[in-house]
Amino acid sequence: MRHFLVLTVLFLFSRNVNALENTPAGLWKTFDDKGKATGYIRVMENQDIYTGVIEKGLPTDKEDKFCSLCKGERKDKKLIGMTVIKNVKANGDSYEGSEILDPFSGNTYRVKLTLKEAGKKMEVRGFVGISLFGRTQIWERENE
């Protein structure tokens, strides 16, 4: 009976881990369009809506960087802790939302997230209007 209980707990735990890898929720190492690592974004889920916050920069980055090119409420605010992905919801095999911020240009775009390689990578597409007019980055999931 004890073996059955242990196997059941292990099975349920493994299903929860796999479920997390099948959503954008988690810590992601970000890369620019040229493939250069830029930092880490934590994507969180709350009531089926995903948001992303800059959790940390790279070790070579200064912790006190500010978004001088941002507009509105983000102007001159610290990058660490800034929300850069807003209002993303599941839409079939991808996740789509109202906004992703490029903190290097201060511009905002609509966003589409598509998980790849069993959730180990994520295709992040920022676009204006329709997805055809945009650019794509590949982010890598960090093991925590």
C-alpha atoms as a PDB file:
ATOM      1  CA  MET A   1       0.000   0.000   0.000  1.00  0.00           C
ATOM      2  CA  ARG A   2       2.850   2.394   0.823  1.00  0.00           C
ATOM      3  CA  HIS A   3       4.410   1.867  -2.637  1.00  0.00           C
ATOM      4  CA  PHE A   4       1.098   2.740  -4.278  1.00  0.00           C
ATOM      5  CA  LEU A   5       0.895   5.976  -2.281  1.00  0.00           C
ATOM      6  CA  VAL A   6       4.482   6.937  -3.170  1.00  0.00           C
ATOM      7  CA  LEU A   7       3.894   6.209  -6.878  1.00  0.00           C
ATOM      8  CA  THR A   8       0.681   8.244  -6.836  1.00  0.00           C
ATOM      9  CA  VAL A   9       2.432  11.257  -5.259  1.00  0.00           C
ATOM     10  CA  LEU A  10       5.305  11.016  -7.760  1.00  0.00           C
ATOM     11  CA  PHE A  11       2.874  10.773 -10.667  1.00  0.00           C
ATOM     12  CA  LEU A  12       0.899  13.828  -9.526  1.00  0.00           C
ATOM     13  CA  PHE A  13       4.095  15.821  -8.935  1.00  0.00           C
ATOM     14  CA  SER A  14       5.442  14.967 -12.398  1.00  0.00           C
ATOM     15  CA  ARG A  15       2.133  16.010 -13.979  1.00  0.00           C
ATOM     16  CA  ASN A  16       2.301  19.399 -12.203  1.00  0.00           C
ATOM     17  CA  VAL A  17       5.874  19.958 -13.391  1.00  0.00           C
ATOM     18  CA  ASN A  18       4.868  19.072 -16.966  1.00  0.00           C
ATOM     19  CA  ALA A  19       1.841  21.349 -16.745  1.00  0.00           C
ATOM     20  CA  LEU A  20       4.092  24.288 -15.820  1.00  0.00           C
ATOM     21  CA  GLU A  21       6.313  23.574 -18.808  1.00  0.00           C
ATOM     22  CA  ASN A  22       3.256  23.654 -21.087  1.00  0.00           C
ATOM     23  CA  THR A  23       2.447  27.254 -20.172  1.00  0.00           C
ATOM     24  CA  PRO A  24       4.529  30.420 -20.392  1.00  0.00           C
ATOM     25  CA  ALA A  25       4.664  30.609 -16.572  1.00  0.00           C
ATOM     26  CA  GLY A  26       8.220  30.514 -15.248  1.00  0.00           C
ATOM     27  CA  LEU A  27      11.578  32.239 -15.480  1.00  0.00           C
ATOM     28  CA  TRP A  28      12.892  32.930 -18.992  1.00  0.00           C
ATOM     29  CA  LYS A  29      16.343  33.948 -20.165  1.00  0.00           C
ATOM     30  CA  THR A  30      15.764  36.566 -22.822  1.00  0.00           C
ATOM     31  CA  PHE A  31      17.681  37.193 -26.023  1.00  0.00           C
ATOM     32  CA  ASP A  32      17.625  40.070 -28.477  1.00  0.00           C
ATOM     33  CA  ASP A  33      16.989  39.683 -32.214  1.00  0.00           C
ATOM     34  CA  LYS A  34      20.655  38.820 -32.800  1.00  0.00           C
ATOM     35  CA  GLY A  35      20.663  36.053 -30.167  1.00  0.00           C
ATOM     36  CA  LYS A  36      22.540  37.993 -27.484  1.00  0.00           C
ATOM     37  CA  ALA A  37      21.357  37.286 -23.914  1.00  0.00           C
ATOM     38  CA  THR A  38      19.736  40.354 -22.343  1.00  0.00           C
ATOM     39  CA  GLY A  39      18.283  39.301 -18.971  1.00  0.00           C
ATOM     40  CA  TYR A  40      15.557  37.335 -17.209  1.00  0.00           C
ATOM     41  CA  ILE A  41      11.791  37.771 -17.247  1.00  0.00           C
ATOM     42  CA  ARG A  42       9.433  36.035 -14.833  1.00  0.00           C
ATOM     43  CA  VAL A  43       6.100  35.168 -16.471  1.00  0.00           C
ATOM     44  CA  MET A  44       3.289  34.650 -13.978  1.00  0.00           C
ATOM     45  CA  GLU A  45      -0.278  33.410 -14.350  1.00  0.00           C
ATOM     46  CA  ASN A  46      -3.213  34.809 -12.417  1.00  0.00           C
ATOM     47  CA  GLN A  47      -6.746  33.673 -13.339  1.00  0.00           C
ATOM     48  CA  ASP A  48      -5.621  32.531 -16.819  1.00  0.00           C
ATOM     49  CA  ILE A  49      -3.957  35.884 -17.587  1.00  0.00           C
ATOM     50  CA  TYR A  50      -0.162  36.029 -17.952  1.00  0.00           C
ATOM     51  CA  THR A  51       2.112  38.953 -17.158  1.00  0.00           C
ATOM     52  CA  GLY A  52       5.880  39.246 -17.392  1.00  0.00           C
ATOM     53  CA  VAL A  53       8.192  41.203 -15.108  1.00  0.00           C
ATOM     54  CA  ILE A  54      11.899  41.865 -15.500  1.00  0.00           C
ATOM     55  CA  GLU A  55      13.404  39.864 -12.646  1.00  0.00           C
ATOM     56  CA  LYS A  56      17.094  40.513 -13.191  1.00  0.00           C
ATOM     57  CA  GLY A  57      19.618  41.667 -15.697  1.00  0.00           C
ATOM     58  CA  LEU A  58      22.784  39.905 -16.635  1.00  0.00           C
ATOM     59  CA  PRO A  59      25.668  39.907 -14.112  1.00  0.00           C
ATOM     60  CA  THR A  60      27.437  42.541 -16.221  1.00  0.00           C
ATOM     61  CA  ASP A  61      24.430  44.868 -16.061  1.00  0.00           C
ATOM     62  CA  LYS A  62      24.053  47.566 -13.457  1.00  0.00           C
ATOM     63  CA  GLU A  63      21.074  46.986 -11.176  1.00  0.00           C
ATOM     64  CA  ASP A  64      20.030  50.644 -11.355  1.00  0.00           C
ATOM     65  CA  LYS A  65      19.211  50.832 -15.074  1.00  0.00           C
ATOM     66  CA  PHE A  66      16.214  52.947 -15.927  1.00  0.00           C
ATOM     67  CA  CYS A  67      13.882  53.003 -18.924  1.00  0.00           C
ATOM     68  CA  SER A  68      14.714  56.469 -20.203  1.00  0.00           C
ATOM     69  CA  LEU A  69      13.122  55.793 -23.606  1.00  0.00           C
ATOM     70  CA  CYS A  70       9.830  54.522 -22.155  1.00  0.00           C
ATOM     71  CA  LYS A  71       6.704  56.614 -22.330  1.00  0.00           C
ATOM     72  CA  GLY A  72       3.967  57.266 -19.777  1.00  0.00           C
ATOM     73  CA  GLU A  73       4.089  55.639 -16.349  1.00  0.00           C
ATOM     74  CA  ARG A  74       7.260  53.657 -17.181  1.00  0.00           C
ATOM     75  CA  LYS A  75       9.363  56.696 -18.117  1.00  0.00           C
ATOM     76  CA  ASP A  76      12.615  56.776 -16.123  1.00  0.00           C
ATOM     77  CA  LYS A  77      11.512  53.855 -13.881  1.00  0.00           C
ATOM     78  CA  LYS A  78      13.867  51.044 -12.864  1.00  0.00           C
ATOM     79  CA  LEU A  79      13.940  48.149 -15.313  1.00  0.00           C
ATOM     80  CA  ILE A  80      14.211  45.506 -12.572  1.00  0.00           C
ATOM     81  CA  GLY A  81      10.646  44.869 -11.414  1.00  0.00           C
ATOM     82  CA  MET A  82       9.057  46.532 -14.450  1.00  0.00           C
ATOM     83  CA  THR A  83       6.071  44.771 -16.060  1.00  0.00           C
ATOM     84  CA  VAL A  84       6.913  44.242 -19.726  1.00  0.00           C
ATOM     85  CA  ILE A  85       4.227  41.725 -20.765  1.00  0.00           C
ATOM     86  CA  LYS A  86       0.554  42.446 -20.058  1.00  0.00           C
ATOM     87  CA  ASN A  87      -2.815  40.763 -20.562  1.00  0.00           C
ATOM     88  CA  VAL A  88      -1.707  37.551 -22.304  1.00  0.00           C
ATOM     89  CA  LYS A  89      -4.291  34.767 -22.629  1.00  0.00           C
ATOM     90  CA  ALA A  90      -4.280  31.293 -24.152  1.00  0.00           C
ATOM     91  CA  ASN A  91      -5.478  31.201 -27.770  1.00  0.00           C
ATOM     92  CA  GLY A  92      -5.282  27.684 -29.186  1.00  0.00           C
ATOM     93  CA  ASP A  93      -1.638  26.546 -29.243  1.00  0.00           C
ATOM     94  CA  SER A  94      -0.284  30.008 -28.484  1.00  0.00           C
ATOM     95  CA  TYR A  95      -0.776  32.850 -26.019  1.00  0.00           C
ATOM     96  CA  GLU A  96      -1.682  36.328 -27.208  1.00  0.00           C
ATOM     97  CA  GLY A  97      -1.800  39.618 -25.424  1.00  0.00           C
ATOM     98  CA  SER A  98      -2.230  43.310 -25.580  1.00  0.00           C
ATOM     99  CA  GLU A  99       1.323  44.382 -24.876  1.00  0.00           C
ATOM    100  CA  ILE A 100       5.018  43.665 -24.720  1.00  0.00           C
ATOM    101  CA  LEU A 101       7.508  46.439 -23.999  1.00  0.00           C
ATOM    102  CA  ASP A 102      10.902  46.645 -25.654  1.00  0.00           C
ATOM    103  CA  PRO A 103      12.811  48.370 -22.826  1.00  0.00           C
ATOM    104  CA  PHE A 104      15.707  49.191 -25.162  1.00  0.00           C
ATOM    105  CA  SER A 105      13.547  51.318 -27.490  1.00  0.00           C
ATOM    106  CA  GLY A 106      10.637  52.188 -25.182  1.00  0.00           C
ATOM    107  CA  ASN A 107       8.161  50.909 -27.796  1.00  0.00           C
ATOM    108  CA  THR A 108       5.228  48.647 -27.047  1.00  0.00           C
ATOM    109  CA  TYR A 109       3.773  45.980 -29.338  1.00  0.00           C
ATOM    110  CA  ARG A 110       1.075  43.352 -29.358  1.00  0.00           C
ATOM    111  CA  VAL A 111       2.531  39.984 -28.361  1.00  0.00           C
ATOM    112  CA  LYS A 112       2.208  36.321 -29.288  1.00  0.00           C
ATOM    113  CA  LEU A 113       3.953  33.594 -27.261  1.00  0.00           C
ATOM    114  CA  THR A 114       4.411  30.091 -28.670  1.00  0.00           C
ATOM    115  CA  LEU A 115       6.060  27.316 -26.662  1.00  0.00           C
ATOM    116  CA  LYS A 116       8.626  25.174 -28.475  1.00  0.00           C
ATOM    117  CA  GLU A 117      10.660  22.061 -27.644  1.00  0.00           C
ATOM    118  CA  ALA A 118       8.230  20.784 -24.990  1.00  0.00           C
ATOM    119  CA  GLY A 119       8.171  24.177 -23.239  1.00  0.00           C
ATOM    120  CA  LYS A 120      11.943  24.576 -22.979  1.00  0.00           C
ATOM    121  CA  LYS A 121      11.930  27.491 -25.428  1.00  0.00           C
ATOM    122  CA  MET A 122       9.400  30.167 -26.228  1.00  0.00           C
ATOM    123  CA  GLU A 123       8.951  32.080 -29.457  1.00  0.00           C
ATOM    124  CA  VAL A 124       8.113  35.676 -28.521  1.00  0.00           C
ATOM    125  CA  ARG A 125       6.675  37.723 -31.374  1.00  0.00           C
ATOM    126  CA  GLY A 126       6.057  41.437 -30.993  1.00  0.00           C
ATOM    127  CA  PHE A 127       4.019  43.067 -33.741  1.00  0.00           C
ATOM    128  CA  VAL A 128       1.988  46.069 -34.813  1.00  0.00           C
ATOM    129  CA  GLY A 129      -1.499  45.374 -36.137  1.00  0.00           C
ATOM    130  CA  ILE A 130      -1.192  41.814 -37.444  1.00  0.00           C
ATOM    131  CA  SER A 131       1.492  39.258 -36.618  1.00  0.00           C
ATOM    132  CA  LEU A 132       2.917  39.542 -40.140  1.00  0.00           C
ATOM    133  CA  PHE A 133       4.373  42.954 -39.245  1.00  0.00           C
ATOM    134  CA  GLY A 134       6.717  42.177 -36.378  1.00  0.00           C
ATOM    135  CA  ARG A 135       9.827  40.427 -35.139  1.00  0.00           C
ATOM    136  CA  THR A 136      10.517  37.261 -33.194  1.00  0.00           C
ATOM    137  CA  GLN A 137      12.896  36.338 -30.394  1.00  0.00           C
ATOM    138  CA  ILE A 138      13.531  32.920 -28.854  1.00  0.00           C
ATOM    139  CA  TRP A 139      13.680  32.783 -25.048  1.00  0.00           C
ATOM    140  CA  GLU A 140      14.930  29.821 -23.007  1.00  0.00           C
ATOM    141  CA  ARG A 141      13.241  28.495 -19.868  1.00  0.00           C
ATOM    142  CA  GLU A 142      15.487  28.587 -16.793  1.00  0.00           C
ATOM    143  CA  ASN A 143      15.454  25.642 -14.419  1.00  0.00           C
ATOM    144  CA  GLU A 144      14.655  26.826 -10.934  1.00  0.00           C
END
